[in-house]
N, C-alpha and C. Protein backbone atom coordinates (compact mmCIF):
# COMPACT_ATOMS: atom_id res chain seq x y z
N MET A 1 153.92 43.86 137.50
CA MET A 1 154.22 43.38 135.95
C MET A 1 154.19 44.43 135.13
N SER A 2 155.62 45.43 134.62
CA SER A 2 155.25 46.62 133.48
C SER A 2 154.41 46.55 132.42
N LEU A 3 154.02 47.82 131.88
CA LEU A 3 153.38 47.48 130.50
C LEU A 3 153.96 46.98 129.24
N GLN A 4 155.23 47.63 129.23
CA GLN A 4 156.33 47.65 128.18
C GLN A 4 157.09 45.42 128.45
N ASP A 5 156.68 44.67 129.74
CA ASP A 5 156.57 43.22 129.94
C ASP A 5 155.42 42.72 129.37
N LEU A 6 153.93 43.18 129.54
CA LEU A 6 152.71 42.21 129.26
C LEU A 6 152.73 42.11 127.28
N ILE A 7 154.19 42.82 126.74
CA ILE A 7 154.46 42.85 124.98
C ILE A 7 154.96 41.52 124.72
N PRO A 8 154.56 40.90 123.53
CA PRO A 8 154.91 39.67 123.11
C PRO A 8 156.83 39.51 122.62
N ALA A 9 157.46 39.07 123.18
CA ALA A 9 158.97 39.00 123.04
C ALA A 9 159.01 39.94 121.48
N ASP A 10 158.56 38.37 120.53
CA ASP A 10 159.45 39.45 119.51
C ASP A 10 159.04 40.72 119.31
N TRP A 11 157.33 41.50 119.32
CA TRP A 11 157.24 42.54 119.49
C TRP A 11 157.58 43.78 120.20
N ARG A 12 158.21 43.28 121.23
CA ARG A 12 159.01 44.05 122.63
C ARG A 12 159.98 44.04 121.62
N ALA A 13 161.15 42.80 121.38
CA ALA A 13 162.20 43.42 120.22
C ALA A 13 161.94 44.33 119.84
N LEU A 14 161.46 43.90 118.92
CA LEU A 14 161.46 45.19 118.18
C LEU A 14 161.00 46.87 117.95
N LEU A 15 160.48 47.22 118.98
CA LEU A 15 159.96 47.78 119.06
C LEU A 15 160.85 48.30 120.34
N ALA A 16 162.08 47.98 120.96
CA ALA A 16 161.97 48.38 121.89
C ALA A 16 163.06 50.05 121.87
N ASP A 17 163.10 49.80 120.94
CA ASP A 17 162.95 52.25 120.94
C ASP A 17 162.24 52.47 121.74
N GLU A 18 160.93 52.07 121.44
CA GLU A 18 160.08 52.66 122.46
C GLU A 18 160.25 53.13 123.35
N PHE A 19 160.69 51.66 124.41
CA PHE A 19 160.42 52.64 125.35
C PHE A 19 161.60 53.05 126.01
N SER A 20 162.23 54.42 125.55
CA SER A 20 162.92 55.30 125.91
C SER A 20 162.65 57.08 125.63
N LYS A 21 161.28 56.44 124.94
CA LYS A 21 160.74 57.70 124.71
C LYS A 21 160.06 58.09 125.28
N LYS A 22 159.88 60.14 125.07
CA LYS A 22 159.67 60.76 125.99
C LYS A 22 158.09 60.22 126.56
N TYR A 23 157.14 59.28 125.49
CA TYR A 23 156.23 59.35 125.50
C TYR A 23 155.53 58.53 126.49
N TRP A 24 156.44 57.48 126.13
CA TRP A 24 156.33 55.90 127.03
C TRP A 24 156.03 55.77 129.04
N LYS A 25 156.84 56.84 129.22
CA LYS A 25 156.87 56.71 131.40
C LYS A 25 155.56 57.36 131.85
N PRO A 26 155.09 58.29 130.73
CA PRO A 26 153.93 58.79 131.80
C PRO A 26 152.58 58.05 130.55
N LEU A 27 153.05 57.36 129.71
CA LEU A 27 152.05 56.36 129.37
C LEU A 27 151.92 55.27 130.17
N GLU A 28 152.86 54.56 130.59
CA GLU A 28 153.35 54.05 131.59
C GLU A 28 152.77 53.60 133.06
N ALA A 29 152.43 54.96 133.26
CA ALA A 29 151.52 55.52 134.38
C ALA A 29 150.52 55.38 134.12
N PHE A 30 149.90 56.56 133.12
CA PHE A 30 148.89 56.94 133.49
C PHE A 30 148.08 55.49 133.19
N VAL A 31 148.74 54.47 132.73
CA VAL A 31 148.13 52.83 132.27
C VAL A 31 147.69 52.52 133.82
N GLU A 32 148.69 52.25 134.38
CA GLU A 32 149.03 51.83 135.45
C GLU A 32 148.37 52.48 136.03
N GLU A 33 148.13 53.13 136.74
CA GLU A 33 147.19 54.52 137.53
C GLU A 33 145.33 53.63 136.85
N GLU A 34 144.92 53.51 135.50
CA GLU A 34 144.21 54.15 135.94
C GLU A 34 143.17 52.14 135.78
N TYR A 35 143.81 51.33 135.34
CA TYR A 35 143.32 50.31 136.26
C TYR A 35 143.50 49.90 137.62
N ASN A 36 144.45 50.59 138.10
CA ASN A 36 143.99 50.59 139.60
C ASN A 36 142.88 51.51 140.61
N THR A 37 142.39 52.28 140.04
CA THR A 37 141.49 52.81 140.12
C THR A 37 140.37 52.55 139.33
N GLN A 38 139.63 52.74 137.91
CA GLN A 38 138.71 52.77 137.53
C GLN A 38 138.71 51.49 137.11
N THR A 39 137.56 51.14 136.12
CA THR A 39 137.42 49.84 135.24
C THR A 39 137.00 50.10 134.20
N ILE A 40 139.14 49.42 133.55
CA ILE A 40 138.98 49.58 132.00
C ILE A 40 138.92 48.65 131.20
N TYR A 41 138.92 48.38 130.02
CA TYR A 41 138.68 47.43 129.29
C TYR A 41 139.97 47.51 127.86
N PRO A 42 140.61 46.76 128.26
CA PRO A 42 140.51 45.21 127.95
C PRO A 42 140.94 44.54 128.96
N PRO A 43 140.81 43.99 129.35
CA PRO A 43 141.51 43.52 130.90
C PRO A 43 142.71 43.20 130.15
N ARG A 44 143.73 43.64 131.54
CA ARG A 44 145.29 44.14 131.76
C ARG A 44 146.02 43.48 130.49
N GLU A 45 145.73 41.88 131.41
CA GLU A 45 146.65 41.49 130.07
C GLU A 45 145.41 40.75 128.83
N GLN A 46 144.76 41.66 128.26
CA GLN A 46 145.16 41.68 126.79
C GLN A 46 145.29 42.12 126.61
N ILE A 47 145.14 43.46 126.73
CA ILE A 47 145.97 45.22 125.62
C ILE A 47 146.64 45.12 125.23
N PHE A 48 147.75 43.80 124.94
CA PHE A 48 148.33 43.27 123.65
C PHE A 48 148.13 42.03 122.90
N ALA A 49 146.77 42.06 122.70
CA ALA A 49 146.18 40.73 122.53
C ALA A 49 146.97 40.23 121.21
N ALA A 50 146.39 41.89 120.75
CA ALA A 50 146.17 41.91 118.72
C ALA A 50 147.97 40.83 118.08
N LEU A 51 148.77 42.16 118.87
CA LEU A 51 150.22 41.54 119.02
C LEU A 51 150.37 40.56 119.21
N ASP A 52 150.15 40.06 120.15
CA ASP A 52 149.69 38.06 120.84
C ASP A 52 149.24 36.56 119.67
N ALA A 53 148.55 36.94 119.12
CA ALA A 53 147.62 37.03 118.39
C ALA A 53 148.71 36.85 117.68
N THR A 54 148.69 37.91 116.09
CA THR A 54 149.36 38.08 115.09
C THR A 54 151.14 38.28 115.35
N PRO A 55 152.06 36.51 115.79
CA PRO A 55 152.87 37.31 115.53
C PRO A 55 153.59 38.42 114.17
N TYR A 56 155.00 39.30 114.09
CA TYR A 56 155.50 40.52 113.43
C TYR A 56 156.15 38.93 111.91
N ASN A 57 156.29 37.95 112.34
CA ASN A 57 156.30 37.26 110.97
C ASN A 57 155.27 36.70 110.34
N ASN A 58 153.65 36.79 111.10
CA ASN A 58 152.74 36.07 110.29
C ASN A 58 152.00 37.09 109.89
N ILE A 59 152.33 38.35 109.88
CA ILE A 59 150.90 39.59 109.69
C ILE A 59 150.91 39.40 108.25
N LYS A 60 150.11 39.07 107.48
CA LYS A 60 149.41 39.76 105.92
C LYS A 60 148.80 40.52 105.63
N VAL A 61 148.09 40.92 106.62
CA VAL A 61 146.68 41.87 106.63
C VAL A 61 147.12 42.99 107.87
N PHE A 62 146.97 44.21 108.11
CA PHE A 62 146.63 44.96 109.03
C PHE A 62 145.68 45.95 109.22
N LEU A 63 144.52 45.85 110.00
CA LEU A 63 143.64 45.87 109.68
C LEU A 63 143.26 47.32 111.09
N LEU A 64 143.63 48.45 110.88
CA LEU A 64 143.65 49.09 112.05
C LEU A 64 142.44 49.51 113.05
N GLY A 65 141.95 49.48 113.84
CA GLY A 65 140.86 49.87 114.46
C GLY A 65 141.16 51.71 115.67
N GLN A 66 140.29 51.72 116.34
CA GLN A 66 140.25 53.47 116.60
C GLN A 66 140.15 53.15 118.37
N ASP A 67 138.75 52.49 118.65
CA ASP A 67 139.64 53.17 120.21
C ASP A 67 137.83 51.60 120.69
N PRO A 68 139.08 50.64 121.57
CA PRO A 68 138.02 49.82 122.34
C PRO A 68 137.05 49.92 122.42
N TYR A 69 136.09 49.02 122.89
CA TYR A 69 134.58 48.88 123.15
C TYR A 69 134.64 49.23 124.58
N HIS A 70 133.83 49.61 124.78
CA HIS A 70 133.87 50.41 125.82
C HIS A 70 132.41 50.37 127.52
N GLN A 71 131.59 48.60 126.91
CA GLN A 71 131.05 48.21 127.85
C GLN A 71 131.43 46.85 128.30
N PRO A 72 131.02 45.70 129.47
CA PRO A 72 131.73 45.86 130.12
C PRO A 72 131.35 44.05 129.57
N LYS A 73 133.00 42.87 129.16
CA LYS A 73 133.51 41.94 128.64
C LYS A 73 133.38 41.90 126.66
N GLN A 74 133.19 43.42 125.71
CA GLN A 74 133.60 43.40 124.28
C GLN A 74 134.41 43.01 124.67
N ALA A 75 135.59 44.44 124.94
CA ALA A 75 136.92 44.01 123.89
C ALA A 75 137.89 43.19 124.58
N HIS A 76 138.65 42.59 124.40
CA HIS A 76 140.00 41.98 124.33
C HIS A 76 140.69 41.77 124.00
N GLY A 77 141.11 42.80 122.91
CA GLY A 77 142.34 43.20 122.55
C GLY A 77 142.22 42.86 120.96
N LEU A 78 141.54 43.03 120.48
CA LEU A 78 141.82 42.66 118.66
C LEU A 78 140.81 43.65 118.45
N CYS A 79 140.57 44.86 117.13
CA CYS A 79 139.51 45.61 117.50
C CYS A 79 138.44 44.98 116.41
N PHE A 80 137.54 45.68 116.55
CA PHE A 80 136.16 45.45 115.96
C PHE A 80 135.39 43.52 116.05
N SER A 81 136.11 42.69 117.39
CA SER A 81 136.60 41.76 118.32
C SER A 81 135.31 42.05 119.29
N VAL A 82 134.71 40.96 119.19
CA VAL A 82 133.95 40.63 121.26
C VAL A 82 134.52 39.51 121.17
N SER A 83 134.31 38.99 122.97
CA SER A 83 134.77 38.00 123.93
C SER A 83 133.51 36.96 123.39
N PRO A 84 133.46 35.60 123.45
CA PRO A 84 132.68 34.87 123.78
C PRO A 84 131.70 35.23 123.70
N GLY A 85 130.93 34.82 123.51
CA GLY A 85 129.39 35.09 124.02
C GLY A 85 128.71 36.78 124.12
N ILE A 86 128.69 37.18 123.52
CA ILE A 86 128.74 38.69 123.82
C ILE A 86 128.40 38.44 121.91
N THR A 87 127.03 39.50 122.49
CA THR A 87 126.46 39.92 120.37
C THR A 87 126.95 41.01 120.54
N PRO A 88 127.40 40.43 119.09
CA PRO A 88 128.35 41.27 118.32
C PRO A 88 127.65 42.79 117.38
N PRO A 89 128.72 44.26 118.60
CA PRO A 89 128.02 45.23 118.24
C PRO A 89 127.45 45.58 117.11
N PRO A 90 127.14 46.92 116.60
CA PRO A 90 126.60 47.98 115.29
C PRO A 90 127.99 47.03 113.92
N SER A 91 128.62 47.92 114.21
CA SER A 91 130.03 48.09 113.20
C SER A 91 130.32 46.28 113.10
N LEU A 92 129.67 45.47 113.46
CA LEU A 92 130.91 44.14 113.06
C LEU A 92 129.67 43.36 112.95
N LYS A 93 128.92 43.10 113.51
CA LYS A 93 127.27 43.48 112.21
C LYS A 93 126.95 43.89 110.79
N ASN A 94 127.77 44.22 110.31
CA ASN A 94 127.91 45.47 109.38
C ASN A 94 129.17 45.03 108.36
N ILE A 95 129.77 44.82 109.23
CA ILE A 95 131.47 43.51 108.61
C ILE A 95 131.01 42.58 108.06
N TYR A 96 129.89 41.75 109.05
CA TYR A 96 129.22 40.41 108.51
C TYR A 96 128.22 40.39 107.17
N LYS A 97 127.93 41.41 107.18
CA LYS A 97 127.35 41.46 106.02
C LYS A 97 127.47 41.54 105.10
N GLU A 98 129.07 42.95 104.73
CA GLU A 98 129.50 42.80 103.44
C GLU A 98 130.30 41.72 103.43
N LEU A 99 130.99 41.02 104.13
CA LEU A 99 131.24 40.13 103.52
C LEU A 99 130.19 38.70 103.48
N GLN A 100 129.13 38.84 103.90
CA GLN A 100 128.20 38.33 102.97
C GLN A 100 127.83 38.20 101.98
N ASP A 101 128.18 39.37 101.99
CA ASP A 101 127.54 39.90 100.01
C ASP A 101 129.29 39.77 99.23
N ASP A 102 129.80 40.02 99.74
CA ASP A 102 131.42 39.85 98.91
C ASP A 102 131.55 38.26 99.25
N LEU A 103 131.78 37.90 99.74
CA LEU A 103 132.29 36.13 99.27
C LEU A 103 130.90 34.62 99.64
N GLY A 104 130.03 35.77 100.26
CA GLY A 104 129.27 33.93 100.49
C GLY A 104 129.75 33.65 101.91
N CYS A 105 129.78 34.39 103.08
CA CYS A 105 130.19 34.33 104.13
C CYS A 105 128.93 33.86 104.80
N HIS A 106 127.95 32.89 105.41
CA HIS A 106 127.51 33.19 106.63
C HIS A 106 127.79 33.92 107.75
N VAL A 107 126.83 33.88 107.97
CA VAL A 107 126.91 34.94 109.45
C VAL A 107 127.48 33.91 110.64
N PRO A 108 128.13 33.51 111.30
CA PRO A 108 128.64 33.53 112.51
C PRO A 108 127.40 34.12 113.86
N ASN A 109 127.46 32.96 114.58
CA ASN A 109 126.65 33.68 115.80
C ASN A 109 127.32 34.00 116.58
N ASN A 110 128.57 34.11 116.30
CA ASN A 110 129.42 34.91 117.83
C ASN A 110 130.40 36.43 117.23
N GLY A 111 130.92 36.62 118.13
CA GLY A 111 131.77 38.35 117.53
C GLY A 111 133.13 38.28 117.07
N TYR A 112 133.56 36.44 117.21
CA TYR A 112 134.60 36.15 118.31
C TYR A 112 135.74 36.04 117.02
N LEU A 113 137.50 37.47 116.31
CA LEU A 113 137.28 37.28 115.89
C LEU A 113 139.07 36.75 114.68
N MET A 114 139.00 36.03 116.28
CA MET A 114 140.61 35.12 116.36
C MET A 114 140.98 34.94 115.45
N PRO A 115 139.49 33.92 114.83
CA PRO A 115 140.60 33.16 113.56
C PRO A 115 141.14 33.43 112.38
N TRP A 116 140.53 34.76 112.48
CA TRP A 116 141.08 35.84 111.48
C TRP A 116 142.96 35.88 111.79
N ALA A 117 143.12 36.83 113.25
CA ALA A 117 144.14 36.40 113.86
C ALA A 117 144.98 35.70 113.51
N GLN A 118 144.88 34.90 113.65
CA GLN A 118 145.34 33.78 113.95
C GLN A 118 146.38 33.34 112.17
N GLN A 119 145.24 33.33 112.03
CA GLN A 119 145.52 34.02 109.46
C GLN A 119 146.61 34.36 109.48
N GLY A 120 146.73 35.39 110.24
CA GLY A 120 147.65 36.95 109.48
C GLY A 120 146.82 38.34 109.55
N VAL A 121 146.14 38.50 110.00
CA VAL A 121 144.53 39.49 109.84
C VAL A 121 145.58 40.40 111.52
N LEU A 122 146.61 41.74 111.33
CA LEU A 122 146.70 42.44 112.51
C LEU A 122 145.49 43.03 113.18
N MET A 123 144.97 43.26 113.93
CA MET A 123 143.20 44.21 114.37
C MET A 123 143.81 44.94 115.62
N LEU A 124 144.50 45.61 115.22
CA LEU A 124 144.84 46.87 116.38
C LEU A 124 144.33 47.92 116.61
N ASN A 125 144.29 48.55 117.59
CA ASN A 125 143.17 49.83 117.93
C ASN A 125 144.24 50.81 118.36
N ALA A 126 144.56 51.49 117.53
CA ALA A 126 145.10 53.27 117.36
C ALA A 126 145.08 53.96 119.40
N VAL A 127 144.09 53.07 119.95
CA VAL A 127 144.49 53.32 121.40
C VAL A 127 143.46 52.02 121.94
N LEU A 128 144.59 51.55 123.57
CA LEU A 128 144.85 50.56 123.44
C LEU A 128 144.05 50.66 124.55
N THR A 129 143.51 51.41 125.19
CA THR A 129 142.81 51.39 126.33
C THR A 129 141.63 52.45 126.75
N VAL A 130 140.57 51.91 127.00
CA VAL A 130 139.55 52.78 127.84
C VAL A 130 138.39 52.37 128.84
N ARG A 131 138.70 53.21 129.61
CA ARG A 131 137.56 54.14 130.85
C ARG A 131 136.24 53.05 130.58
N ASP A 132 135.50 52.59 131.32
CA ASP A 132 133.72 51.57 131.42
C ASP A 132 133.20 52.34 130.90
N SER A 133 131.61 52.87 129.50
CA SER A 133 131.23 53.80 129.28
C SER A 133 132.21 55.13 129.12
N GLU A 134 133.22 55.06 128.82
CA GLU A 134 133.99 56.93 128.72
C GLU A 134 134.61 56.02 127.26
N PRO A 135 134.17 56.27 125.37
CA PRO A 135 134.54 56.21 124.67
C PRO A 135 135.83 57.28 124.35
N ASN A 136 136.60 56.96 123.69
CA ASN A 136 138.20 57.71 124.40
C ASN A 136 138.85 58.93 125.35
N SER A 137 137.60 58.44 126.52
CA SER A 137 138.79 58.66 127.65
C SER A 137 140.37 57.72 127.24
N HIS A 138 141.28 57.56 127.11
CA HIS A 138 142.51 57.34 127.30
C HIS A 138 143.39 57.68 125.74
N LYS A 139 142.25 58.87 125.04
CA LYS A 139 142.84 59.20 124.03
C LYS A 139 143.91 60.42 124.02
N SER A 140 145.61 60.17 123.45
CA SER A 140 146.03 61.86 123.50
C SER A 140 146.58 61.31 124.55
N LYS A 141 146.80 59.82 124.73
CA LYS A 141 147.79 59.54 126.51
C LYS A 141 149.29 59.46 125.90
N GLY A 142 149.75 58.80 124.30
CA GLY A 142 150.40 58.32 124.41
C GLY A 142 150.66 56.77 123.23
N TRP A 143 148.82 55.97 122.69
CA TRP A 143 148.73 55.30 122.87
C TRP A 143 148.74 55.40 121.80
N GLU A 144 149.60 56.05 120.95
CA GLU A 144 148.83 57.20 119.83
C GLU A 144 150.33 56.57 119.04
N LYS A 145 150.81 56.75 119.85
CA LYS A 145 152.23 56.86 118.85
C LYS A 145 153.13 55.44 118.91
N PHE A 146 152.54 54.30 120.22
CA PHE A 146 153.19 53.70 119.98
C PHE A 146 151.79 53.08 118.77
N LEU A 147 151.25 53.36 117.88
CA LEU A 147 150.57 53.03 117.15
C LEU A 147 151.22 52.87 115.67
N ASP A 148 151.78 54.36 115.64
CA ASP A 148 152.47 54.80 114.46
C ASP A 148 154.07 54.25 115.10
N ALA A 149 154.39 53.62 115.78
CA ALA A 149 155.98 52.77 116.15
C ALA A 149 155.53 51.27 115.05
N VAL A 150 154.50 50.14 115.46
CA VAL A 150 153.73 49.25 115.11
C VAL A 150 154.40 49.58 113.28
N ILE A 151 152.61 50.57 113.02
CA ILE A 151 153.05 50.85 111.40
C ILE A 151 154.12 50.99 110.90
N ASP A 152 154.82 51.18 111.31
CA ASP A 152 156.10 51.45 110.80
C ASP A 152 157.14 50.61 110.95
N LYS A 153 157.11 49.37 112.03
CA LYS A 153 157.40 48.40 111.22
C LYS A 153 157.81 47.45 110.24
N VAL A 154 155.57 47.66 110.47
CA VAL A 154 154.93 46.24 109.40
C VAL A 154 155.45 46.93 107.96
N ASN A 155 155.56 48.41 107.88
CA ASN A 155 155.73 48.63 106.62
C ASN A 155 157.29 49.11 106.29
N GLN A 156 158.16 48.01 107.29
CA GLN A 156 159.00 47.59 107.29
C GLN A 156 159.18 46.62 105.66
N LYS A 157 158.32 45.16 106.86
CA LYS A 157 158.24 44.20 105.91
C LYS A 157 159.21 43.95 104.38
N ALA A 158 159.32 43.18 104.22
CA ALA A 158 160.07 42.93 102.38
C ALA A 158 159.07 42.45 102.57
N ASP A 159 158.21 41.11 102.55
CA ASP A 159 156.58 41.25 102.46
C ASP A 159 155.83 41.71 101.88
N ARG A 160 154.76 41.29 100.63
CA ARG A 160 153.23 42.71 101.38
C ARG A 160 153.36 42.12 102.15
N VAL A 161 152.16 43.15 102.67
CA VAL A 161 151.08 43.38 103.95
C VAL A 161 150.43 44.47 102.92
N VAL A 162 148.65 43.51 103.79
CA VAL A 162 147.82 44.55 103.19
C VAL A 162 146.81 45.62 103.97
N PHE A 163 147.16 46.42 104.20
CA PHE A 163 146.68 48.17 104.89
C PHE A 163 144.47 47.65 104.70
N LEU A 164 144.28 47.43 105.40
CA LEU A 164 142.79 48.29 105.22
C LEU A 164 142.70 48.95 106.47
N LEU A 165 142.00 50.29 106.11
CA LEU A 165 141.58 51.63 106.77
C LEU A 165 140.50 51.95 106.53
N TRP A 166 139.97 51.86 107.49
CA TRP A 166 138.01 52.20 107.72
C TRP A 166 137.92 53.57 108.25
N GLY A 167 137.63 54.78 107.57
CA GLY A 167 137.22 55.70 108.60
C GLY A 167 138.13 56.63 108.11
N GLY A 168 138.08 57.64 108.62
CA GLY A 168 138.26 59.25 107.93
C GLY A 168 139.81 58.82 109.01
N TYR A 169 139.96 58.87 110.29
CA TYR A 169 140.90 58.11 111.95
C TYR A 169 141.82 57.52 110.40
N ALA A 170 141.34 55.82 110.01
CA ALA A 170 142.47 54.90 110.19
C ALA A 170 143.15 55.39 108.42
N LYS A 171 142.57 56.41 107.81
CA LYS A 171 142.61 56.65 106.67
C LYS A 171 143.69 57.54 106.94
N LYS A 172 144.23 58.05 107.67
CA LYS A 172 145.22 59.91 107.81
C LYS A 172 146.29 58.54 107.80
N LYS A 173 146.20 57.53 108.42
CA LYS A 173 147.26 56.56 108.59
C LYS A 173 148.12 55.91 106.99
N ALA A 174 147.33 55.68 106.21
CA ALA A 174 148.79 55.78 105.12
C ALA A 174 149.51 56.56 104.48
N ALA A 175 149.67 57.97 105.78
CA ALA A 175 150.87 58.12 105.03
C ALA A 175 151.96 57.72 105.23
N LEU A 176 151.55 56.71 106.39
CA LEU A 176 153.21 55.72 106.44
C LEU A 176 153.31 54.97 106.17
N VAL A 177 152.85 54.62 104.97
CA VAL A 177 152.72 52.94 104.75
C VAL A 177 153.89 53.87 103.11
N THR A 178 155.18 53.41 103.33
CA THR A 178 155.64 54.04 101.93
C THR A 178 156.09 53.20 101.60
N SER A 179 156.01 51.66 101.54
CA SER A 179 156.87 50.93 100.50
C SER A 179 156.34 50.09 100.16
N PRO A 180 156.67 50.27 98.66
CA PRO A 180 155.52 49.98 97.72
C PRO A 180 155.25 48.71 97.22
N GLN A 181 155.74 47.56 97.72
CA GLN A 181 155.39 46.04 97.92
C GLN A 181 154.15 46.19 99.07
N HIS A 182 153.28 46.85 99.55
CA HIS A 182 152.33 46.50 100.48
C HIS A 182 151.33 47.35 99.30
N THR A 183 149.94 46.88 99.89
CA THR A 183 148.68 47.13 99.46
C THR A 183 147.85 48.25 100.38
N VAL A 184 147.29 49.42 99.86
CA VAL A 184 146.15 50.35 100.59
C VAL A 184 145.15 50.21 100.11
N ILE A 185 144.74 50.02 101.46
CA ILE A 185 142.95 49.83 101.32
C ILE A 185 141.84 51.19 102.10
N GLU A 186 141.65 51.60 101.31
CA GLU A 186 141.33 52.52 102.21
C GLU A 186 139.04 52.73 101.61
N GLY A 187 138.73 52.64 103.03
CA GLY A 187 137.07 52.64 102.95
C GLY A 187 136.38 53.32 104.14
N VAL A 188 135.11 53.35 103.49
CA VAL A 188 134.01 53.98 104.94
C VAL A 188 133.89 53.58 106.20
N HIS A 189 134.40 53.63 107.20
CA HIS A 189 133.94 52.93 108.28
C HIS A 189 132.91 51.75 107.91
N PRO A 190 132.46 50.79 108.93
CA PRO A 190 131.19 50.32 108.85
C PRO A 190 130.73 50.41 110.05
N SER A 191 130.67 52.00 110.36
CA SER A 191 129.65 51.67 111.08
C SER A 191 128.30 52.47 110.98
N PRO A 192 127.11 51.90 111.22
CA PRO A 192 126.27 52.00 110.83
C PRO A 192 125.82 53.99 110.85
N LEU A 193 126.90 54.97 111.35
CA LEU A 193 126.65 56.33 111.46
C LEU A 193 127.13 56.50 109.63
N SER A 194 127.62 55.22 108.86
CA SER A 194 129.01 55.76 107.39
C SER A 194 128.05 54.25 107.14
N ALA A 195 127.97 53.27 107.02
CA ALA A 195 128.09 51.93 106.80
C ALA A 195 127.10 51.79 105.25
N SER A 196 126.13 53.10 105.56
CA SER A 196 125.07 53.28 103.93
C SER A 196 125.87 53.86 102.69
N ASN A 197 126.81 54.27 103.51
CA ASN A 197 127.69 55.84 102.36
C ASN A 197 128.47 55.50 101.76
N GLY A 198 128.96 53.77 101.07
CA GLY A 198 129.88 53.07 100.72
C GLY A 198 130.28 52.00 101.14
N PHE A 199 129.74 52.17 102.83
CA PHE A 199 130.84 50.69 103.07
C PHE A 199 130.75 49.41 102.44
N PHE A 200 128.93 49.46 103.05
CA PHE A 200 128.68 48.05 101.77
C PHE A 200 128.29 47.95 100.28
N GLY A 201 129.10 46.91 99.84
CA GLY A 201 129.55 47.42 98.23
C GLY A 201 130.85 47.20 98.19
N SER A 202 131.77 47.78 98.87
CA SER A 202 132.85 47.71 98.97
C SER A 202 134.24 46.90 98.78
N LYS A 203 133.67 45.38 98.94
CA LYS A 203 134.02 44.01 97.94
C LYS A 203 135.35 44.15 98.76
N PRO A 204 135.86 44.61 100.34
CA PRO A 204 137.05 44.56 100.97
C PRO A 204 137.90 42.92 100.92
N PHE A 205 137.01 42.31 101.63
CA PHE A 205 137.98 41.24 101.71
C PHE A 205 138.20 40.16 100.60
N SER A 206 137.34 40.32 99.12
CA SER A 206 138.02 39.16 98.08
C SER A 206 138.92 40.74 97.75
N THR A 207 139.23 41.49 98.11
CA THR A 207 140.70 42.64 97.38
C THR A 207 141.20 41.98 98.50
N ILE A 208 141.85 42.27 99.20
CA ILE A 208 142.69 41.23 100.26
C ILE A 208 143.38 40.52 99.84
N ASN A 209 142.30 39.26 99.58
CA ASN A 209 142.70 38.60 98.92
C ASN A 209 143.48 38.35 97.42
N HIS A 210 142.46 38.29 96.90
CA HIS A 210 143.29 39.45 94.91
C HIS A 210 144.29 39.42 95.86
N ALA A 211 144.55 40.01 96.39
CA ALA A 211 146.79 41.71 96.11
C ALA A 211 146.86 40.85 97.12
N LEU A 212 146.46 39.49 98.67
CA LEU A 212 147.92 38.08 98.86
C LEU A 212 147.63 37.43 97.65
N ARG A 213 146.51 36.45 96.75
CA ARG A 213 147.48 35.63 95.79
C ARG A 213 148.29 36.24 94.72
N ASP A 214 147.69 37.30 94.60
CA ASP A 214 149.40 38.30 93.42
C ASP A 214 150.45 38.76 93.79
N ALA A 215 150.61 38.55 95.65
CA ALA A 215 152.14 38.32 95.94
C ALA A 215 152.04 36.68 96.14
N GLY A 216 151.60 36.37 95.81
CA GLY A 216 152.12 34.82 95.88
C GLY A 216 152.01 34.16 97.78
N LYS A 217 151.28 34.65 98.31
CA LYS A 217 150.26 34.45 99.41
C LYS A 217 149.10 33.40 99.94
N THR A 218 148.78 32.62 100.92
CA THR A 218 147.68 31.93 101.01
C THR A 218 146.43 33.14 101.43
N PRO A 219 145.65 33.55 100.80
CA PRO A 219 144.52 34.22 101.43
C PRO A 219 144.10 33.68 102.25
N ILE A 220 143.01 34.75 103.15
CA ILE A 220 142.85 34.89 104.14
C ILE A 220 141.33 33.46 104.08
N ASP A 221 141.45 32.85 105.62
CA ASP A 221 139.86 32.27 105.38
C ASP A 221 138.73 32.92 105.72
N TRP A 222 137.80 33.68 105.34
CA TRP A 222 137.06 34.92 106.53
C TRP A 222 135.75 34.03 106.83
N GLN A 223 135.69 33.23 106.60
CA GLN A 223 134.64 32.67 107.29
C GLN A 223 134.67 32.14 109.55
N ILE A 224 134.19 33.73 110.16
CA ILE A 224 133.90 32.60 111.07
C ILE A 224 133.22 31.81 111.45
N PRO A 225 133.52 31.00 112.62
CA PRO A 225 133.15 29.71 112.19
C PRO A 225 132.30 29.92 114.10
N ASN A 226 130.93 28.76 113.98
CA ASN A 226 129.32 28.73 114.89
C ASN A 226 131.02 28.83 115.70
N LEU A 227 130.67 29.11 117.50
CA LEU A 227 131.31 29.11 118.61
C LEU A 227 129.81 27.93 119.36
């Protein structure tokens, strides 16, 4: 099965132009070779899990990540989320702390964020694959161009989407959000290296829900249930 065949049908139709662009075939060949010869995360069938979990017509929030987790069994295709049974990494622990402070949500016993995706939170990394224990090993291979195409399609939606951009890399993508009906929230990355410099106390989750209510949309229930 080719890389584009792994993309869910609604998104594959929307992004059809990408597959004839110069970057796509080299990206496809690179990813295929890496999965055949290296240990790569997430599992191949979960590369586009974010697009699968959040159909285009359902998007309310776009949370942009950067690189997948690079340790065994962590990455499953949604940025910041880890597979059930895996201890939440430090950035996700900080997200939970802020969520508790912002909305009073209890800290769950897992880091599986699928309930957000199923409510319309598209959680997509800029780079969708990574080698085991080698962060940024698939950077600059073409995934970033694919991400920009996804952002462009979401920007074209007629109804409001709230873009949540944490950290320097994500903030650069604000320039691609040009439609006035959308809301862009920029903030400090929840990484332990930066979280105390403005992430804590930023109240992004209540801000998102306010923007959704303002657009006549149902807010997100941010409480992740225990497993």
